[in-house]
């Protein structure tokens, strides 16, 4: 009896595989960006991870947003694919930062880099080295790499995010202080969980080649999304002292924007103690970075900004810490906190950040751009 059921299951699975491959796999209905590998986001042996050079792709951000990512010959996000030479007659501005400066969720022309390039015009070249999840160790490693390769820059803008301090906790260094690539870290994790990884890999093969297993995965994913949303809605209703059923979607998404764990360390003492190692490592790497830029006669500035969490709850740590750090080390300091000040913080956040997210939308990016071009001399 068991053998008969097994035979029937195998026959049905083969029919499923054949039907899926012939009729469904190449259709729009089969595509799912959440499952597709972002091949353009690659590991780097020198500075952990990067964007692939000369790509032109559409990436999904969040539940609804899609935006275009184009990179130049050295893997920096740009307006279009183009060759970047080591030196140029144009004035060159290097941007160092994470997902905010990469421009997550925004097409290039609406990113800070795109706005700055458009403003400065053809006599300048804005080179945006920022990539999501970068931190001071990576800023230093990437700047050092391109400078040692002979690339020339006239000015550098270093954007420091509150999540950079957390990301420093997860940066792995070898005994010589060099970064260990994301690929090597994943390989170590895979070796430790060999059997589990094999099972996951087999599950993905079934998902990507069988309509039955694809539907099971979709059901599981959507169930998880619904479960997480309901949990978040419950927390929101408790915070607002509002009926669960009267708590609307905007309430829930705003709660998510202002209650991300990584944003707590700037006013919560227990969380602050947890990130102290990352804070000290960030200091060391930023000192090295600004010394490096100075040694290459590159004018530089350190720029800090708040998340929705800091706008809504305040900040007793990040802002004063880097203000004192910059003064002590004679670093040009640009504080964007004043730009994000508002008597009506909730509506201000909803107006200037992607809904349900911590990243600037077009309006928030324009605020940052206006402040910087009115503060710095190019």
Protein backbone atom coordinates (compact mmCIF):
# COMPACT_ATOMS: atom_id res chain seq x y z
CA UNK A 1 0.00 0.00 0.00
CA UNK A 2 2.78 2.42 0.94
CA UNK A 3 4.66 1.58 -2.26
CA UNK A 4 1.53 2.26 -4.33
CA UNK A 5 1.08 5.69 -2.74
CA UNK A 6 4.75 6.45 -3.27
CA UNK A 7 4.50 5.51 -6.97
CA UNK A 8 1.42 7.71 -7.41
CA UNK A 9 3.19 10.60 -5.65
CA UNK A 10 6.28 10.28 -7.88
CA UNK A 11 4.15 10.12 -11.06
CA UNK A 12 2.15 13.18 -10.01
CA UNK A 13 5.36 15.03 -9.15
CA UNK A 14 6.84 14.25 -12.58
CA UNK A 15 3.65 15.45 -14.29
CA UNK A 16 3.76 18.59 -12.13
CA UNK A 17 7.41 19.26 -13.06
CA UNK A 18 6.72 18.76 -16.77
CA UNK A 19 3.58 20.90 -16.78
CA UNK A 20 5.30 23.68 -14.79
CA UNK A 21 8.37 23.67 -17.06
CA UNK A 22 6.44 23.62 -20.36
CA UNK A 23 3.53 25.96 -19.61
CA UNK A 24 4.28 28.13 -16.57
CA UNK A 25 7.96 28.80 -15.82
CA UNK A 26 8.46 31.38 -18.58
CA UNK A 27 5.27 33.31 -17.85
CA UNK A 28 4.82 36.46 -15.74
CA UNK A 29 2.68 34.46 -13.29
CA UNK A 30 5.65 32.34 -12.26
CA UNK A 31 7.92 35.23 -11.37
CA UNK A 32 8.44 36.19 -7.73
CA UNK A 33 11.07 38.86 -7.04
CA UNK A 34 11.18 37.98 -3.36
CA UNK A 35 12.59 34.56 -4.25
CA UNK A 36 14.83 35.52 -7.13
CA UNK A 37 18.51 35.90 -6.32
CA UNK A 38 19.77 39.48 -6.61
CA UNK A 39 22.83 38.49 -8.61
CA UNK A 40 23.92 42.13 -8.84
CA UNK A 41 24.56 42.23 -5.07
CA UNK A 42 27.88 40.45 -4.72
CA UNK A 43 30.52 39.58 -2.13
CA UNK A 44 33.83 41.44 -2.06
CA UNK A 45 37.09 40.01 -0.77
CA UNK A 46 38.29 43.56 -0.06
CA UNK A 47 35.30 45.36 1.42
CA UNK A 48 32.78 42.63 2.32
CA UNK A 49 30.02 43.21 -0.26
CA UNK A 50 29.29 45.40 -3.25
CA UNK A 51 27.19 46.07 -6.35
CA UNK A 52 28.21 44.38 -9.59
CA UNK A 53 29.72 46.72 -12.22
CA UNK A 54 27.73 47.67 -15.33
CA UNK A 55 24.32 46.30 -14.35
CA UNK A 56 20.93 47.71 -15.29
CA UNK A 57 18.20 45.94 -13.30
CA UNK A 58 14.88 46.52 -11.57
CA UNK A 59 14.86 45.75 -7.85
CA UNK A 60 11.88 45.38 -5.55
CA UNK A 61 11.81 47.37 -2.31
CA UNK A 62 9.22 46.54 0.32
CA UNK A 63 5.80 45.30 -0.74
CA UNK A 64 5.08 47.73 -3.56
CA UNK A 65 8.08 49.78 -4.68
CA UNK A 66 10.19 48.86 -7.69
CA UNK A 67 13.15 50.95 -8.75
CA UNK A 68 15.94 50.80 -11.30
CA UNK A 69 19.57 50.18 -10.33
CA UNK A 70 22.28 51.07 -12.82
CA UNK A 71 25.99 50.88 -12.01
CA UNK A 72 29.15 52.13 -13.69
CA UNK A 73 32.39 50.27 -14.47
CA UNK A 74 33.55 50.26 -10.82
CA UNK A 75 30.22 49.11 -9.36
CA UNK A 76 29.03 52.51 -8.09
CA UNK A 77 25.36 53.33 -8.55
CA UNK A 78 25.07 55.81 -11.43
CA UNK A 79 22.70 57.34 -13.98
CA UNK A 80 23.83 54.91 -16.65
CA UNK A 81 26.57 52.37 -17.40
CA UNK A 82 29.78 54.24 -18.07
CA UNK A 83 33.53 53.88 -17.81
CA UNK A 84 35.11 55.54 -14.77
CA UNK A 85 38.76 56.50 -15.25
CA UNK A 86 41.22 56.82 -12.38
CA UNK A 87 41.56 60.56 -12.90
CA UNK A 88 39.39 63.22 -14.46
CA UNK A 89 39.50 66.90 -15.36
CA UNK A 90 36.19 67.23 -13.54
CA UNK A 91 35.96 67.86 -9.81
CA UNK A 92 35.20 64.56 -8.14
CA UNK A 93 33.01 64.03 -5.09
CA UNK A 94 33.07 60.63 -3.37
CA UNK A 95 30.00 59.58 -1.37
CA UNK A 96 30.43 57.02 1.42
CA UNK A 97 27.32 55.69 3.13
CA UNK A 98 24.80 52.88 3.42
CA UNK A 99 21.31 52.23 1.99
CA UNK A 100 20.14 55.83 2.54
CA UNK A 101 22.87 57.14 0.24
CA UNK A 102 22.71 54.20 -2.15
CA UNK A 103 19.12 55.39 -2.52
CA UNK A 104 17.03 52.37 -1.55
CA UNK A 105 13.56 52.48 -3.07
CA UNK A 106 14.36 55.45 -5.34
CA UNK A 107 15.32 55.78 -8.98
CA UNK A 108 18.73 57.38 -9.45
CA UNK A 109 17.50 60.88 -10.33
CA UNK A 110 15.66 61.08 -6.98
CA UNK A 111 18.58 59.87 -4.83
CA UNK A 112 20.91 62.28 -3.05
CA UNK A 113 23.63 61.39 -5.54
CA UNK A 114 21.36 62.07 -8.51
CA UNK A 115 20.18 65.41 -7.11
CA UNK A 116 23.75 66.50 -6.34
CA UNK A 117 25.01 65.53 -9.81
CA UNK A 118 22.17 67.42 -11.46
CA UNK A 119 22.82 70.48 -9.28
CA UNK A 120 26.60 70.61 -9.80
CA UNK A 121 26.43 69.98 -13.54
CA UNK A 122 28.93 68.78 -16.13
CA UNK A 123 32.06 70.18 -14.41
CA UNK A 124 31.61 67.73 -11.52
CA UNK A 125 31.47 63.96 -11.19
CA UNK A 126 29.61 62.53 -8.22
CA UNK A 127 30.78 58.98 -7.46
CA UNK A 128 28.41 57.13 -5.17
CA UNK A 129 30.20 54.20 -3.45
CA UNK A 130 27.36 53.68 -0.93
CA UNK A 131 25.76 50.24 -0.60
CA UNK A 132 23.14 48.92 1.82
CA UNK A 133 24.49 47.59 5.16
CA UNK A 134 27.84 49.36 4.90
CA UNK A 135 29.52 50.62 8.07
CA UNK A 136 32.74 52.51 9.01
CA UNK A 137 35.01 49.47 8.57
CA UNK A 138 33.73 49.09 5.02
CA UNK A 139 33.87 52.85 4.31
CA UNK A 140 37.55 52.80 5.22
CA UNK A 141 38.34 49.58 3.31
CA UNK A 142 36.57 50.77 0.16
CA UNK A 143 38.09 54.27 0.16
CA UNK A 144 41.54 52.82 0.85
CA UNK A 145 41.17 50.32 -2.00
CA UNK A 146 40.25 52.86 -4.66
CA UNK A 147 42.85 55.37 -3.51
CA UNK A 148 45.55 52.69 -3.53
CA UNK A 149 44.45 51.79 -7.06
CA UNK A 150 45.16 55.37 -8.13
CA UNK A 151 41.61 56.77 -8.29
CA UNK A 152 41.50 60.49 -7.54
CA UNK A 153 38.87 62.44 -5.61
CA UNK A 154 38.64 66.10 -4.60
CA UNK A 155 36.03 65.86 -1.86
CA UNK A 156 34.43 63.13 0.24
CA UNK A 157 31.09 63.13 2.07
CA UNK A 158 30.87 60.46 4.77
CA UNK A 159 27.31 59.74 5.92
CA UNK A 160 27.03 58.02 9.30
CA UNK A 161 23.85 56.14 10.06
CA UNK A 162 22.69 54.94 13.49
CA UNK A 163 22.53 51.38 12.10
CA UNK A 164 26.22 51.61 11.14
CA UNK A 165 27.05 51.10 14.80
CA UNK A 166 25.04 47.88 14.86
CA UNK A 167 26.53 46.72 11.54
CA UNK A 168 30.02 47.08 13.01
CA UNK A 169 29.12 44.33 15.50
CA UNK A 170 28.70 41.91 12.59
CA UNK A 171 31.79 42.89 10.61
CA UNK A 172 34.37 40.10 10.80
CA UNK A 173 38.07 40.95 10.68
CA UNK A 174 41.01 38.63 10.13
CA UNK A 175 44.11 38.76 12.46
CA UNK A 176 45.55 41.54 10.27
CA UNK A 177 42.43 43.67 10.67
CA UNK A 178 41.23 43.05 7.10
CA UNK A 179 37.56 42.50 6.34
CA UNK A 180 36.32 38.94 5.84
CA UNK A 181 33.97 38.85 2.87
CA UNK A 182 30.26 38.13 3.16
CA UNK A 183 30.82 35.07 0.95
CA UNK A 184 33.35 33.58 3.40
CA UNK A 185 31.04 34.23 6.36
CA UNK A 186 28.18 32.48 4.57
CA UNK A 187 30.46 29.58 3.71
CA UNK A 188 31.41 29.15 7.38
CA UNK A 189 27.74 29.20 8.40
CA UNK A 190 26.88 26.69 5.67
CA UNK A 191 29.61 24.28 6.80
CA UNK A 192 28.23 24.38 10.34
CA UNK A 193 24.69 23.58 9.15
CA UNK A 194 25.47 21.29 6.22
CA UNK A 195 22.41 19.00 6.46
CA UNK A 196 20.00 21.90 7.05
CA UNK A 197 21.42 23.77 4.03
CA UNK A 198 20.98 20.68 1.82
CA UNK A 199 17.32 20.38 2.88
CA UNK A 200 16.71 24.10 2.17
CA UNK A 201 18.39 23.76 -1.23
CA UNK A 202 16.22 20.76 -2.14
CA UNK A 203 13.13 22.66 -0.99
CA UNK A 204 14.03 25.56 -3.30
CA UNK A 205 14.43 23.16 -6.24
CA UNK A 206 10.91 21.85 -5.60
CA UNK A 207 9.56 25.41 -5.20
CA UNK A 208 11.14 26.63 -8.43
CA UNK A 209 10.06 23.67 -10.56
CA UNK A 210 6.71 22.53 -9.18
CA UNK A 211 3.41 24.40 -9.05
CA UNK A 212 2.30 22.33 -6.04
CA UNK A 213 5.31 23.23 -3.92
CA UNK A 214 5.26 26.80 -5.23
CA UNK A 215 1.70 27.21 -3.96
CA UNK A 216 2.72 25.72 -0.61
CA UNK A 217 5.59 28.23 -0.32
CA UNK A 218 3.32 31.14 -1.31
CA UNK A 219 0.73 30.07 1.26
CA UNK A 220 3.42 29.80 3.93
CA UNK A 221 4.92 33.20 3.04
CA UNK A 222 1.59 35.00 3.01
CA UNK A 223 0.53 33.34 6.26
CA UNK A 224 3.75 34.57 7.87
CA UNK A 225 3.19 38.10 6.52
CA UNK A 226 -0.37 38.15 7.87
CA UNK A 227 0.74 36.76 11.24
CA UNK A 228 3.47 39.41 11.59
CA UNK A 229 1.07 42.18 10.56
CA UNK A 230 -1.52 41.10 13.13
CA UNK A 231 1.17 40.97 15.87
CA UNK A 232 2.30 44.45 14.86
CA UNK A 233 -1.28 45.70 14.80
CA UNK A 234 -1.82 44.34 18.33
CA UNK A 235 1.34 46.12 19.59
CA UNK A 236 0.23 49.32 17.85
CA UNK A 237 -3.23 49.22 19.40
CA UNK A 238 -1.69 48.72 22.86
CA UNK A 239 0.72 51.62 22.32
CA UNK A 240 -2.06 53.93 21.09
CA UNK A 241 -4.56 52.63 23.69
CA UNK A 242 -6.90 52.10 20.80
CA UNK A 243 -9.26 49.27 19.86
CA UNK A 244 -7.54 46.59 17.76
CA UNK A 245 -10.30 46.88 15.14
CA UNK A 246 -10.07 50.68 14.99
CA UNK A 247 -6.28 50.62 14.53
CA UNK A 248 -5.76 51.29 10.83
CA UNK A 249 -2.96 50.37 8.42
CA UNK A 250 -1.26 53.79 8.62
CA UNK A 251 -1.16 53.48 12.43
CA UNK A 252 0.51 50.07 12.09
CA UNK A 253 3.05 51.16 9.46
CA UNK A 254 3.94 54.29 11.44
CA UNK A 255 4.51 52.14 14.53
CA UNK A 256 6.84 49.93 12.48
CA UNK A 257 8.75 53.01 11.24
CA UNK A 258 9.40 54.25 14.77
CA UNK A 259 9.90 50.96 16.66
CA UNK A 260 12.71 49.18 14.82
CA UNK A 261 15.06 47.63 17.40
CA UNK A 262 18.19 49.09 15.81
CA UNK A 263 16.92 52.58 16.47
CA UNK A 264 16.60 52.14 20.25
CA UNK A 265 20.25 52.51 21.28
CA UNK A 266 20.23 56.31 21.05
CA UNK A 267 17.91 56.65 24.05
CA UNK A 268 17.71 53.24 25.73
CA UNK A 269 20.56 52.45 28.17
CA UNK A 270 20.37 48.64 27.93
CA UNK A 271 20.52 48.70 24.13
CA UNK A 272 23.29 51.28 24.29
CA UNK A 273 25.44 48.95 26.42
CA UNK A 274 24.94 46.23 23.82
CA UNK A 275 26.38 48.33 20.96
CA UNK A 276 29.38 49.86 22.76
CA UNK A 277 31.83 47.56 20.97
CA UNK A 278 30.41 48.68 17.60
CA UNK A 279 30.62 52.31 18.68
CA UNK A 280 34.31 52.03 19.61
CA UNK A 281 35.15 50.17 16.41
CA UNK A 282 33.29 52.82 14.40
CA UNK A 283 35.39 55.53 16.05
CA UNK A 284 38.66 53.76 15.21
CA UNK A 285 37.72 53.16 11.59
CA UNK A 286 36.41 56.70 11.06
CA UNK A 287 39.65 58.16 12.48
CA UNK A 288 41.61 56.04 10.01
CA UNK A 289 39.28 57.05 7.19
CA UNK A 290 39.58 60.80 7.79
CA UNK A 291 43.36 60.51 8.21
CA UNK A 292 43.49 58.64 4.91
CA UNK A 293 41.43 61.32 3.15
CA UNK A 294 43.59 64.07 4.66
CA UNK A 295 46.79 62.34 3.52
CA UNK A 296 45.43 62.37 -0.03
CA UNK A 297 44.47 66.07 0.24
CA UNK A 298 40.77 65.24 -0.05
CA UNK A 299 38.43 67.71 1.61
CA UNK A 300 36.02 65.73 3.78
CA UNK A 301 32.92 66.02 5.98
CA UNK A 302 31.12 63.75 8.43
CA UNK A 303 27.33 63.93 8.06
CA UNK A 304 24.83 62.45 10.53
CA UNK A 305 21.06 62.16 10.35
CA UNK A 306 18.21 60.63 12.39
CA UNK A 307 15.83 57.77 11.73
CA UNK A 308 12.07 58.19 12.37
CA UNK A 309 12.78 56.67 15.82
CA UNK A 310 15.02 59.59 16.80
CA UNK A 311 12.65 62.18 15.36
CA UNK A 312 9.79 60.73 17.38
CA UNK A 313 11.52 59.76 20.65
CA UNK A 314 14.65 61.93 20.72
CA UNK A 315 18.36 61.09 20.73
CA UNK A 316 20.69 61.29 23.72
CA UNK A 317 23.58 59.32 22.22
CA UNK A 318 24.24 59.39 18.45
CA UNK A 319 24.03 63.14 17.82
CA UNK A 320 26.13 64.38 20.81
CA UNK A 321 28.65 61.54 20.44
CA UNK A 322 29.62 62.34 16.86
CA UNK A 323 29.43 66.06 17.43
CA UNK A 324 32.09 65.69 20.16
CA UNK A 325 34.05 63.17 18.08
CA UNK A 326 34.24 65.58 15.14
CA UNK A 327 35.27 68.51 17.33
CA UNK A 328 37.95 66.46 19.08
CA UNK A 329 39.42 65.16 15.79
CA UNK A 330 39.04 68.41 13.84
CA UNK A 331 36.60 66.90 11.33
CA UNK A 332 34.14 69.05 9.38
CA UNK A 333 30.74 68.12 10.80
CA UNK A 334 27.29 68.49 9.22
CA UNK A 335 24.33 67.83 11.51
CA UNK A 336 21.09 67.04 9.66
CA UNK A 337 19.08 66.59 12.86
CA UNK A 338 17.85 70.19 12.71
CA UNK A 339 16.43 69.56 9.23
CA UNK A 340 14.29 66.74 10.62
CA UNK A 341 12.95 68.76 13.56
CA UNK A 342 9.19 69.28 13.64
CA UNK A 343 6.46 70.16 16.12
CA UNK A 344 4.27 67.60 14.36
CA UNK A 345 6.70 64.70 14.19
CA UNK A 346 4.19 62.07 13.07
CA UNK A 347 2.99 63.92 9.98
CA UNK A 348 6.54 65.06 9.25
CA UNK A 349 7.76 61.44 9.26
CA UNK A 350 4.87 60.26 7.07
CA UNK A 351 5.63 63.06 4.60
CA UNK A 352 9.40 62.50 4.31
CA UNK A 353 9.93 58.73 4.68
CA UNK A 354 8.76 55.72 2.68
CA UNK A 355 5.58 54.50 4.38
CA UNK A 356 6.37 51.62 6.74
CA UNK A 357 10.10 52.12 6.19
CA UNK A 358 12.98 54.10 7.73
CA UNK A 359 14.40 55.40 4.44
CA UNK A 360 13.82 58.83 2.93
CA UNK A 361 11.31 59.21 0.15
CA UNK A 362 11.73 61.88 -2.58
CA UNK A 363 10.68 64.66 -0.20
CA UNK A 364 13.05 63.56 2.60
CA UNK A 365 15.95 63.19 0.19
CA UNK A 366 15.32 66.69 -1.11
CA UNK A 367 15.47 68.04 2.47
CA UNK A 368 18.89 66.43 2.94
CA UNK A 369 20.12 67.69 -0.41
CA UNK A 370 19.00 71.30 0.24
CA UNK A 371 20.70 71.38 3.64
CA UNK A 372 23.99 69.98 2.36
CA UNK A 373 24.34 72.23 -0.69
CA UNK A 374 23.56 75.24 1.50
CA UNK A 375 26.14 74.17 4.10
CA UNK A 376 29.11 72.81 2.17
CA UNK A 377 31.24 74.47 -0.44
CA UNK A 378 31.80 72.49 -3.63
